[in-house]
N, C-alpha and C. Protein backbone atom coordinates (compact mmCIF):
# COMPACT_ATOMS: atom_id res chain seq x y z
N MET A 1 -56.36 -59.91 -52.88
CA MET A 1 -55.14 -59.32 -52.49
C MET A 1 -54.81 -59.70 -51.08
N ASN A 2 -53.66 -60.07 -51.00
CA ASN A 2 -53.18 -60.56 -49.74
C ASN A 2 -52.35 -59.46 -49.07
N LYS A 3 -52.89 -58.77 -48.09
CA LYS A 3 -52.18 -57.69 -47.40
C LYS A 3 -51.66 -58.20 -46.07
N LYS A 4 -50.47 -57.79 -45.77
CA LYS A 4 -49.87 -58.19 -44.50
C LYS A 4 -50.25 -57.15 -43.46
N LYS A 5 -50.85 -57.61 -42.42
CA LYS A 5 -51.27 -56.70 -41.38
C LYS A 5 -50.19 -56.59 -40.30
N GLY A 6 -50.07 -55.38 -39.75
CA GLY A 6 -49.14 -55.16 -38.65
C GLY A 6 -47.71 -54.93 -39.07
N LEU A 7 -47.42 -54.89 -40.35
CA LEU A 7 -46.04 -54.65 -40.79
C LEU A 7 -45.85 -53.17 -41.05
N ARG A 8 -44.67 -52.71 -40.74
CA ARG A 8 -44.34 -51.30 -40.96
C ARG A 8 -43.77 -51.14 -42.36
N PRO A 9 -43.91 -49.94 -42.89
CA PRO A 9 -43.30 -49.69 -44.20
C PRO A 9 -41.78 -49.67 -44.07
N ASN A 10 -41.09 -49.92 -45.14
CA ASN A 10 -39.62 -49.93 -45.14
C ASN A 10 -39.07 -48.54 -44.84
N GLY A 11 -37.93 -48.44 -44.11
CA GLY A 11 -37.27 -47.18 -43.81
C GLY A 11 -37.82 -46.56 -42.55
N ALA A 12 -37.17 -45.45 -42.15
CA ALA A 12 -37.57 -44.75 -40.94
C ALA A 12 -38.84 -43.96 -41.22
N GLY A 13 -39.70 -43.93 -40.26
CA GLY A 13 -40.93 -43.19 -40.42
C GLY A 13 -40.69 -41.70 -40.24
N ILE A 14 -41.65 -40.92 -40.69
CA ILE A 14 -41.51 -39.48 -40.61
C ILE A 14 -41.47 -39.00 -39.16
N GLY A 15 -42.00 -39.72 -38.21
CA GLY A 15 -42.00 -39.35 -36.80
C GLY A 15 -40.61 -39.32 -36.20
N TYR A 16 -39.76 -40.27 -36.54
CA TYR A 16 -38.41 -40.32 -36.00
C TYR A 16 -37.58 -39.13 -36.49
N VAL A 17 -37.72 -38.80 -37.73
CA VAL A 17 -36.97 -37.66 -38.30
C VAL A 17 -37.40 -36.37 -37.61
N SER A 18 -38.67 -36.20 -37.38
CA SER A 18 -39.17 -34.99 -36.71
C SER A 18 -38.60 -34.87 -35.30
N VAL A 19 -38.57 -35.97 -34.56
CA VAL A 19 -38.04 -35.95 -33.21
C VAL A 19 -36.56 -35.59 -33.22
N ILE A 20 -35.79 -36.13 -34.13
CA ILE A 20 -34.36 -35.83 -34.21
C ILE A 20 -34.13 -34.37 -34.59
N VAL A 21 -34.91 -33.84 -35.53
CA VAL A 21 -34.78 -32.44 -35.94
C VAL A 21 -35.15 -31.52 -34.78
N ILE A 22 -36.21 -31.81 -34.05
CA ILE A 22 -36.61 -30.99 -32.90
C ILE A 22 -35.52 -31.03 -31.82
N PHE A 23 -34.97 -32.20 -31.55
CA PHE A 23 -33.89 -32.33 -30.56
C PHE A 23 -32.67 -31.50 -30.98
N ALA A 24 -32.31 -31.56 -32.25
CA ALA A 24 -31.16 -30.78 -32.75
C ALA A 24 -31.43 -29.29 -32.61
N MET A 25 -32.65 -28.84 -32.88
CA MET A 25 -32.97 -27.42 -32.78
C MET A 25 -32.91 -26.95 -31.31
N VAL A 26 -33.39 -27.79 -30.39
CA VAL A 26 -33.32 -27.44 -28.97
C VAL A 26 -31.86 -27.34 -28.52
N CYS A 27 -31.04 -28.28 -28.95
CA CYS A 27 -29.61 -28.24 -28.59
C CYS A 27 -28.95 -26.98 -29.14
N LEU A 28 -29.23 -26.63 -30.38
CA LEU A 28 -28.65 -25.43 -30.97
C LEU A 28 -29.12 -24.17 -30.24
N ALA A 29 -30.41 -24.13 -29.84
CA ALA A 29 -30.92 -22.97 -29.10
C ALA A 29 -30.23 -22.85 -27.75
N VAL A 30 -30.03 -23.97 -27.06
CA VAL A 30 -29.35 -23.95 -25.76
C VAL A 30 -27.91 -23.47 -25.93
N PHE A 31 -27.21 -23.96 -26.93
CA PHE A 31 -25.83 -23.52 -27.17
C PHE A 31 -25.78 -22.04 -27.53
N ALA A 32 -26.75 -21.54 -28.27
CA ALA A 32 -26.78 -20.12 -28.63
C ALA A 32 -26.96 -19.26 -27.38
N VAL A 33 -27.89 -19.67 -26.50
CA VAL A 33 -28.11 -18.91 -25.26
C VAL A 33 -26.85 -18.93 -24.40
N MET A 34 -26.20 -20.07 -24.29
CA MET A 34 -24.98 -20.16 -23.49
C MET A 34 -23.87 -19.29 -24.08
N SER A 35 -23.77 -19.21 -25.39
CA SER A 35 -22.75 -18.37 -26.03
C SER A 35 -23.02 -16.90 -25.77
N ILE A 36 -24.28 -16.50 -25.83
CA ILE A 36 -24.63 -15.09 -25.57
C ILE A 36 -24.31 -14.73 -24.12
N ARG A 37 -24.63 -15.60 -23.17
CA ARG A 37 -24.34 -15.34 -21.77
C ARG A 37 -22.83 -15.24 -21.52
N ALA A 38 -22.06 -16.11 -22.16
CA ALA A 38 -20.61 -16.07 -22.00
C ALA A 38 -20.05 -14.77 -22.55
N ALA A 39 -20.57 -14.31 -23.68
CA ALA A 39 -20.10 -13.05 -24.26
C ALA A 39 -20.47 -11.87 -23.37
N GLN A 40 -21.66 -11.89 -22.79
CA GLN A 40 -22.08 -10.80 -21.91
C GLN A 40 -21.22 -10.75 -20.65
N SER A 41 -20.92 -11.89 -20.05
CA SER A 41 -20.10 -11.87 -18.84
C SER A 41 -18.66 -11.47 -19.18
N GLY A 42 -18.17 -11.85 -20.36
CA GLY A 42 -16.84 -11.41 -20.78
C GLY A 42 -16.79 -9.91 -20.97
N ASP A 43 -17.86 -9.33 -21.54
CA ASP A 43 -17.92 -7.88 -21.70
C ASP A 43 -17.93 -7.17 -20.35
N ALA A 44 -18.66 -7.74 -19.38
CA ALA A 44 -18.72 -7.13 -18.05
C ALA A 44 -17.34 -7.13 -17.40
N VAL A 45 -16.62 -8.24 -17.53
CA VAL A 45 -15.27 -8.33 -16.96
C VAL A 45 -14.34 -7.32 -17.63
N ASN A 46 -14.43 -7.21 -18.94
CA ASN A 46 -13.58 -6.26 -19.67
C ASN A 46 -13.91 -4.82 -19.28
N ARG A 47 -15.19 -4.51 -19.09
CA ARG A 47 -15.58 -3.16 -18.71
C ARG A 47 -15.04 -2.82 -17.32
N ARG A 48 -15.17 -3.78 -16.36
CA ARG A 48 -14.64 -3.53 -15.01
C ARG A 48 -13.12 -3.37 -15.03
N ALA A 49 -12.45 -4.18 -15.84
CA ALA A 49 -10.98 -4.06 -15.94
C ALA A 49 -10.59 -2.72 -16.53
N GLY A 50 -11.33 -2.25 -17.50
CA GLY A 50 -11.06 -0.94 -18.09
C GLY A 50 -11.27 0.18 -17.09
N GLU A 51 -12.35 0.09 -16.30
CA GLU A 51 -12.61 1.11 -15.28
C GLU A 51 -11.50 1.12 -14.23
N TYR A 52 -11.06 -0.07 -13.79
CA TYR A 52 -10.00 -0.15 -12.80
C TYR A 52 -8.69 0.43 -13.36
N THR A 53 -8.40 0.12 -14.61
CA THR A 53 -7.17 0.64 -15.22
C THR A 53 -7.20 2.16 -15.27
N ALA A 54 -8.34 2.72 -15.63
CA ALA A 54 -8.46 4.19 -15.67
C ALA A 54 -8.28 4.78 -14.26
N GLN A 55 -8.87 4.13 -13.25
CA GLN A 55 -8.71 4.61 -11.88
C GLN A 55 -7.26 4.50 -11.43
N TYR A 56 -6.59 3.41 -11.78
CA TYR A 56 -5.19 3.22 -11.40
C TYR A 56 -4.31 4.31 -12.02
N TYR A 57 -4.51 4.59 -13.31
CA TYR A 57 -3.70 5.61 -13.97
C TYR A 57 -3.98 7.00 -13.41
N GLU A 58 -5.21 7.26 -13.01
CA GLU A 58 -5.53 8.55 -12.38
C GLU A 58 -4.81 8.66 -11.04
N ALA A 59 -4.80 7.58 -10.25
CA ALA A 59 -4.07 7.59 -8.98
C ALA A 59 -2.58 7.76 -9.21
N GLU A 60 -2.07 7.13 -10.24
CA GLU A 60 -0.64 7.27 -10.55
C GLU A 60 -0.31 8.71 -10.96
N ARG A 61 -1.21 9.35 -11.70
CA ARG A 61 -1.01 10.75 -12.08
C ARG A 61 -0.97 11.64 -10.84
N LYS A 62 -1.90 11.40 -9.90
CA LYS A 62 -1.92 12.19 -8.66
C LYS A 62 -0.65 11.98 -7.84
N ALA A 63 -0.18 10.74 -7.77
CA ALA A 63 1.05 10.44 -7.04
C ALA A 63 2.25 11.13 -7.70
N ASP A 64 2.27 11.18 -9.02
CA ASP A 64 3.36 11.86 -9.73
C ASP A 64 3.33 13.37 -9.49
N GLU A 65 2.12 13.94 -9.35
CA GLU A 65 2.02 15.37 -9.04
C GLU A 65 2.60 15.65 -7.65
N VAL A 66 2.27 14.79 -6.69
CA VAL A 66 2.81 14.96 -5.34
C VAL A 66 4.33 14.77 -5.36
N LEU A 67 4.80 13.80 -6.14
CA LEU A 67 6.24 13.58 -6.26
C LEU A 67 6.94 14.81 -6.82
N ALA A 68 6.33 15.47 -7.79
CA ALA A 68 6.93 16.68 -8.36
C ALA A 68 7.01 17.78 -7.30
N ARG A 69 5.97 17.92 -6.49
CA ARG A 69 6.00 18.92 -5.42
C ARG A 69 7.08 18.59 -4.39
N LEU A 70 7.20 17.31 -4.05
CA LEU A 70 8.24 16.90 -3.11
C LEU A 70 9.63 17.14 -3.68
N ASP A 71 9.79 16.92 -4.98
CA ASP A 71 11.09 17.14 -5.61
C ASP A 71 11.46 18.62 -5.57
N GLU A 72 10.47 19.50 -5.72
CA GLU A 72 10.74 20.94 -5.61
C GLU A 72 11.22 21.28 -4.20
N CYS A 73 10.59 20.69 -3.19
CA CYS A 73 11.00 20.92 -1.80
C CYS A 73 12.40 20.38 -1.54
N ALA A 74 12.69 19.21 -2.11
CA ALA A 74 14.01 18.61 -1.95
C ALA A 74 15.08 19.48 -2.61
N LEU A 75 14.77 20.00 -3.78
CA LEU A 75 15.72 20.86 -4.50
C LEU A 75 16.00 22.13 -3.70
N ALA A 76 14.95 22.69 -3.10
CA ALA A 76 15.13 23.90 -2.30
C ALA A 76 15.91 23.62 -1.02
N SER A 77 15.85 22.38 -0.52
CA SER A 77 16.51 22.04 0.74
C SER A 77 17.93 21.52 0.55
N LEU A 78 18.39 21.35 -0.67
CA LEU A 78 19.71 20.76 -0.89
C LEU A 78 20.85 21.57 -0.30
N GLY A 79 20.76 22.87 -0.30
CA GLY A 79 21.84 23.70 0.23
C GLY A 79 21.90 23.74 1.74
N SER A 80 20.89 23.23 2.40
CA SER A 80 20.81 23.30 3.85
C SER A 80 21.80 22.33 4.51
N GLU A 81 22.28 22.70 5.68
CA GLU A 81 23.20 21.84 6.41
C GLU A 81 22.49 20.58 6.92
N PHE A 82 21.23 20.74 7.32
CA PHE A 82 20.42 19.61 7.78
C PHE A 82 19.33 19.34 6.75
N PHE A 83 19.67 18.55 5.75
CA PHE A 83 18.76 18.30 4.63
C PHE A 83 17.45 17.69 5.09
N GLY A 84 17.51 16.68 5.93
CA GLY A 84 16.30 15.97 6.36
C GLY A 84 15.32 16.87 7.06
N GLU A 85 15.80 17.64 8.04
CA GLU A 85 14.91 18.54 8.78
C GLU A 85 14.35 19.62 7.88
N SER A 86 15.19 20.19 7.04
CA SER A 86 14.76 21.26 6.14
C SER A 86 13.71 20.74 5.13
N PHE A 87 13.99 19.58 4.57
CA PHE A 87 13.08 19.01 3.59
C PHE A 87 11.74 18.64 4.22
N ILE A 88 11.77 18.00 5.38
CA ILE A 88 10.52 17.61 6.04
C ILE A 88 9.73 18.85 6.45
N GLY A 89 10.41 19.89 6.90
CA GLY A 89 9.71 21.14 7.24
C GLY A 89 9.07 21.79 6.03
N ALA A 90 9.77 21.77 4.90
CA ALA A 90 9.22 22.39 3.68
C ALA A 90 8.08 21.59 3.08
N ALA A 91 8.11 20.28 3.27
CA ALA A 91 7.10 19.42 2.64
C ALA A 91 6.00 18.98 3.60
N SER A 92 5.97 19.55 4.79
CA SER A 92 5.00 19.09 5.78
C SER A 92 3.56 19.41 5.41
N ASP A 93 3.34 20.41 4.56
CA ASP A 93 1.97 20.78 4.19
C ASP A 93 1.43 19.99 2.98
N ILE A 94 2.23 19.13 2.40
CA ILE A 94 1.79 18.34 1.24
C ILE A 94 0.97 17.16 1.74
N ALA A 95 -0.25 17.07 1.25
CA ALA A 95 -1.19 16.03 1.71
C ALA A 95 -0.80 14.66 1.16
N ASN A 96 -1.27 13.63 1.84
CA ASN A 96 -1.12 12.23 1.43
C ASN A 96 0.34 11.77 1.36
N THR A 97 1.18 12.33 2.22
CA THR A 97 2.58 11.91 2.26
C THR A 97 2.99 11.63 3.70
N SER A 98 3.91 10.70 3.83
CA SER A 98 4.56 10.43 5.12
C SER A 98 6.05 10.54 4.87
N LEU A 99 6.74 11.34 5.67
CA LEU A 99 8.16 11.60 5.47
C LEU A 99 8.95 11.07 6.66
N TYR A 100 10.08 10.41 6.37
CA TYR A 100 10.93 9.82 7.40
C TYR A 100 12.38 10.20 7.14
N ASP A 101 13.01 10.80 8.16
CA ASP A 101 14.42 11.17 8.06
C ASP A 101 15.26 9.91 8.27
N GLU A 102 16.14 9.62 7.32
CA GLU A 102 16.97 8.41 7.40
C GLU A 102 18.45 8.77 7.37
N GLY A 103 18.84 9.76 8.16
CA GLY A 103 20.24 10.13 8.29
C GLY A 103 20.87 10.62 6.99
N GLY A 104 20.47 11.78 6.55
CA GLY A 104 21.02 12.36 5.32
C GLY A 104 20.11 12.16 4.12
N ASN A 105 19.23 11.20 4.18
CA ASN A 105 18.24 10.98 3.12
C ASN A 105 16.85 11.05 3.75
N VAL A 106 15.85 11.25 2.92
CA VAL A 106 14.46 11.28 3.40
C VAL A 106 13.66 10.29 2.58
N ARG A 107 12.97 9.40 3.29
CA ARG A 107 12.07 8.45 2.62
C ARG A 107 10.67 9.02 2.68
N ALA A 108 10.01 9.09 1.51
CA ALA A 108 8.65 9.59 1.41
C ALA A 108 7.74 8.47 0.92
N VAL A 109 6.61 8.34 1.59
CA VAL A 109 5.59 7.39 1.15
C VAL A 109 4.40 8.23 0.71
N ILE A 110 4.08 8.15 -0.58
CA ILE A 110 2.98 8.91 -1.17
C ILE A 110 1.81 7.97 -1.36
N SER A 111 0.63 8.39 -0.89
CA SER A 111 -0.58 7.59 -1.03
C SER A 111 -1.55 8.31 -1.97
N ALA A 112 -2.08 7.56 -2.93
CA ALA A 112 -3.08 8.10 -3.86
C ALA A 112 -4.21 7.09 -3.96
N GLU A 113 -5.43 7.55 -3.74
CA GLU A 113 -6.58 6.65 -3.75
C GLU A 113 -6.90 6.19 -5.17
N ILE A 114 -6.99 4.87 -5.34
CA ILE A 114 -7.41 4.29 -6.63
C ILE A 114 -8.93 4.25 -6.68
N ASN A 115 -9.52 3.64 -5.68
CA ASN A 115 -10.97 3.60 -5.52
C ASN A 115 -11.25 3.51 -4.02
N GLU A 116 -12.50 3.25 -3.65
CA GLU A 116 -12.83 3.25 -2.22
C GLU A 116 -12.19 2.10 -1.46
N ARG A 117 -11.66 1.09 -2.14
CA ARG A 117 -11.07 -0.06 -1.46
C ARG A 117 -9.56 -0.15 -1.61
N GLN A 118 -8.96 0.58 -2.53
CA GLN A 118 -7.53 0.41 -2.80
C GLN A 118 -6.81 1.76 -2.89
N VAL A 119 -5.56 1.71 -2.47
CA VAL A 119 -4.70 2.90 -2.48
C VAL A 119 -3.37 2.51 -3.14
N LEU A 120 -2.86 3.41 -3.97
CA LEU A 120 -1.54 3.25 -4.56
C LEU A 120 -0.52 3.89 -3.63
N GLU A 121 0.50 3.13 -3.22
CA GLU A 121 1.57 3.65 -2.38
C GLU A 121 2.86 3.69 -3.18
N LEU A 122 3.44 4.87 -3.25
CA LEU A 122 4.69 5.08 -3.95
C LEU A 122 5.74 5.46 -2.91
N THR A 123 6.83 4.68 -2.84
CA THR A 123 7.89 4.95 -1.87
C THR A 123 9.09 5.50 -2.63
N VAL A 124 9.57 6.66 -2.18
CA VAL A 124 10.66 7.36 -2.85
C VAL A 124 11.69 7.78 -1.80
N VAL A 125 12.97 7.63 -2.13
CA VAL A 125 14.05 8.09 -1.26
C VAL A 125 14.67 9.32 -1.91
N PHE A 126 14.65 10.45 -1.18
CA PHE A 126 15.28 11.68 -1.65
C PHE A 126 16.68 11.76 -1.03
N PHE A 127 17.67 12.00 -1.87
CA PHE A 127 19.05 11.99 -1.43
C PHE A 127 19.49 13.38 -0.99
N GLY A 128 20.17 13.44 0.18
CA GLY A 128 20.70 14.69 0.67
C GLY A 128 21.93 15.13 -0.10
N SER A 129 22.63 14.18 -0.71
CA SER A 129 23.80 14.50 -1.53
C SER A 129 23.67 13.77 -2.87
N PRO A 130 23.04 14.41 -3.85
CA PRO A 130 22.82 13.76 -5.15
C PRO A 130 24.11 13.37 -5.87
N ALA A 131 25.22 14.05 -5.58
CA ALA A 131 26.48 13.74 -6.26
C ALA A 131 26.92 12.31 -5.97
N GLU A 132 26.59 11.80 -4.79
CA GLU A 132 26.96 10.43 -4.43
C GLU A 132 26.11 9.39 -5.14
N HIS A 133 25.04 9.83 -5.77
CA HIS A 133 24.11 8.91 -6.45
C HIS A 133 24.00 9.22 -7.93
N GLY A 134 25.11 9.65 -8.50
CA GLY A 134 25.15 9.92 -9.94
C GLY A 134 24.35 11.13 -10.36
N GLY A 135 24.12 12.06 -9.45
CA GLY A 135 23.38 13.28 -9.77
C GLY A 135 21.87 13.14 -9.61
N ALA A 136 21.40 11.97 -9.28
CA ALA A 136 19.96 11.77 -9.10
C ALA A 136 19.54 12.33 -7.76
N ARG A 137 18.43 13.07 -7.75
CA ARG A 137 17.94 13.65 -6.50
C ARG A 137 17.09 12.67 -5.72
N PHE A 138 16.47 11.72 -6.41
CA PHE A 138 15.63 10.75 -5.72
C PHE A 138 15.61 9.43 -6.49
N GLU A 139 15.15 8.40 -5.79
CA GLU A 139 15.00 7.08 -6.40
C GLU A 139 13.69 6.48 -5.91
N THR A 140 12.90 5.96 -6.86
CA THR A 140 11.66 5.27 -6.50
C THR A 140 12.03 3.85 -6.06
N THR A 141 11.69 3.52 -4.82
CA THR A 141 12.07 2.21 -4.29
C THR A 141 10.90 1.24 -4.18
N GLY A 142 9.70 1.74 -4.33
CA GLY A 142 8.54 0.84 -4.23
C GLY A 142 7.29 1.45 -4.80
N ARG A 143 6.47 0.59 -5.36
CA ARG A 143 5.16 0.99 -5.89
C ARG A 143 4.25 -0.21 -5.69
N ARG A 144 3.21 -0.03 -4.88
CA ARG A 144 2.32 -1.15 -4.61
C ARG A 144 0.89 -0.68 -4.41
N THR A 145 -0.02 -1.61 -4.60
CA THR A 145 -1.42 -1.37 -4.37
C THR A 145 -1.79 -1.97 -3.02
N VAL A 146 -2.42 -1.18 -2.15
CA VAL A 146 -2.77 -1.61 -0.81
C VAL A 146 -4.29 -1.61 -0.68
N THR A 147 -4.82 -2.68 -0.11
CA THR A 147 -6.25 -2.75 0.17
C THR A 147 -6.52 -2.04 1.48
N VAL A 148 -7.49 -1.16 1.47
CA VAL A 148 -7.84 -0.38 2.66
C VAL A 148 -8.72 -1.24 3.56
N ALA A 149 -8.36 -1.32 4.84
CA ALA A 149 -9.16 -2.07 5.81
C ALA A 149 -10.39 -1.25 6.16
N GLU A 150 -11.53 -1.92 6.15
CA GLU A 150 -12.76 -1.22 6.49
C GLU A 150 -12.84 -1.04 8.00
N GLU A 151 -13.28 0.13 8.41
CA GLU A 151 -13.44 0.42 9.83
C GLU A 151 -14.71 -0.26 10.32
N SER A 152 -14.62 -0.96 11.43
CA SER A 152 -15.81 -1.59 11.99
C SER A 152 -16.39 -0.70 13.07
N GLY A 153 -17.69 -0.82 13.28
CA GLY A 153 -18.38 0.02 14.24
C GLY A 153 -18.02 -0.30 15.68
N GLY A 154 -17.61 -1.49 15.98
CA GLY A 154 -17.27 -1.86 17.35
C GLY A 154 -16.55 -3.19 17.36
N ALA A 155 -16.27 -3.65 18.57
CA ALA A 155 -15.56 -4.92 18.71
C ALA A 155 -16.47 -6.08 18.34
N LEU A 156 -15.89 -7.12 17.83
CA LEU A 156 -16.64 -8.32 17.51
C LEU A 156 -16.97 -9.06 18.80
N ASN A 157 -18.17 -9.59 18.87
CA ASN A 157 -18.59 -10.36 20.03
C ASN A 157 -18.22 -11.82 19.78
N ILE A 158 -17.04 -12.22 20.25
CA ILE A 158 -16.54 -13.57 20.02
C ILE A 158 -16.53 -14.32 21.33
N TRP A 159 -17.06 -15.53 21.30
CA TRP A 159 -17.11 -16.36 22.50
C TRP A 159 -15.71 -16.85 22.82
N ASN A 160 -15.27 -16.66 24.06
CA ASN A 160 -13.91 -17.02 24.46
C ASN A 160 -13.82 -18.43 25.05
N GLY A 161 -14.90 -19.17 25.10
CA GLY A 161 -14.86 -20.54 25.57
C GLY A 161 -15.19 -20.71 27.02
N SER A 162 -15.45 -19.63 27.74
CA SER A 162 -15.73 -19.78 29.16
C SER A 162 -17.21 -20.12 29.36
N GLU A 163 -18.01 -19.19 29.69
CA GLU A 163 -19.42 -19.45 29.93
C GLU A 163 -20.22 -19.26 28.65
N ILE A 164 -21.28 -20.02 28.56
CA ILE A 164 -22.20 -19.83 27.45
C ILE A 164 -23.11 -18.68 27.79
N PRO A 165 -23.14 -17.66 26.96
CA PRO A 165 -23.99 -16.50 27.28
C PRO A 165 -25.45 -16.90 27.30
N GLN A 166 -26.19 -16.37 28.26
CA GLN A 166 -27.61 -16.70 28.41
C GLN A 166 -28.47 -15.64 27.79
């Protein structure tokens, strides 16, 4: 019998198939881990967005409560000859408000804390003569979210370009 030495059998050997299958399994495992991580980070973002939305609506509810109290003060002050002074005097004890007399009308800025870093500011103009404004006693002119500046403990030590400190 004449055997040929050093020749390989026809077709791919079992070793090549094993390497390809192992490589495919590693790739699938890596993709699975990446998909799980992406889903977890998406859940975290959605949870934070939900918490912020709940905080925002709570701040909006508080601002609306203050607005209702201010509207009661404005209604009580409508008969007064000096609407601005009367209204500001009646509403001076309401917290988280800033009131400005604007010659017959009063602008109120209501602040409601959303979280430790943000505040909802609601700006409302109360009319001294609602008949001139279609019977409306007030108009909301602005609603915005303001980032609260953090208080620093002291002045920053910034080099002014003169001498190099030793």
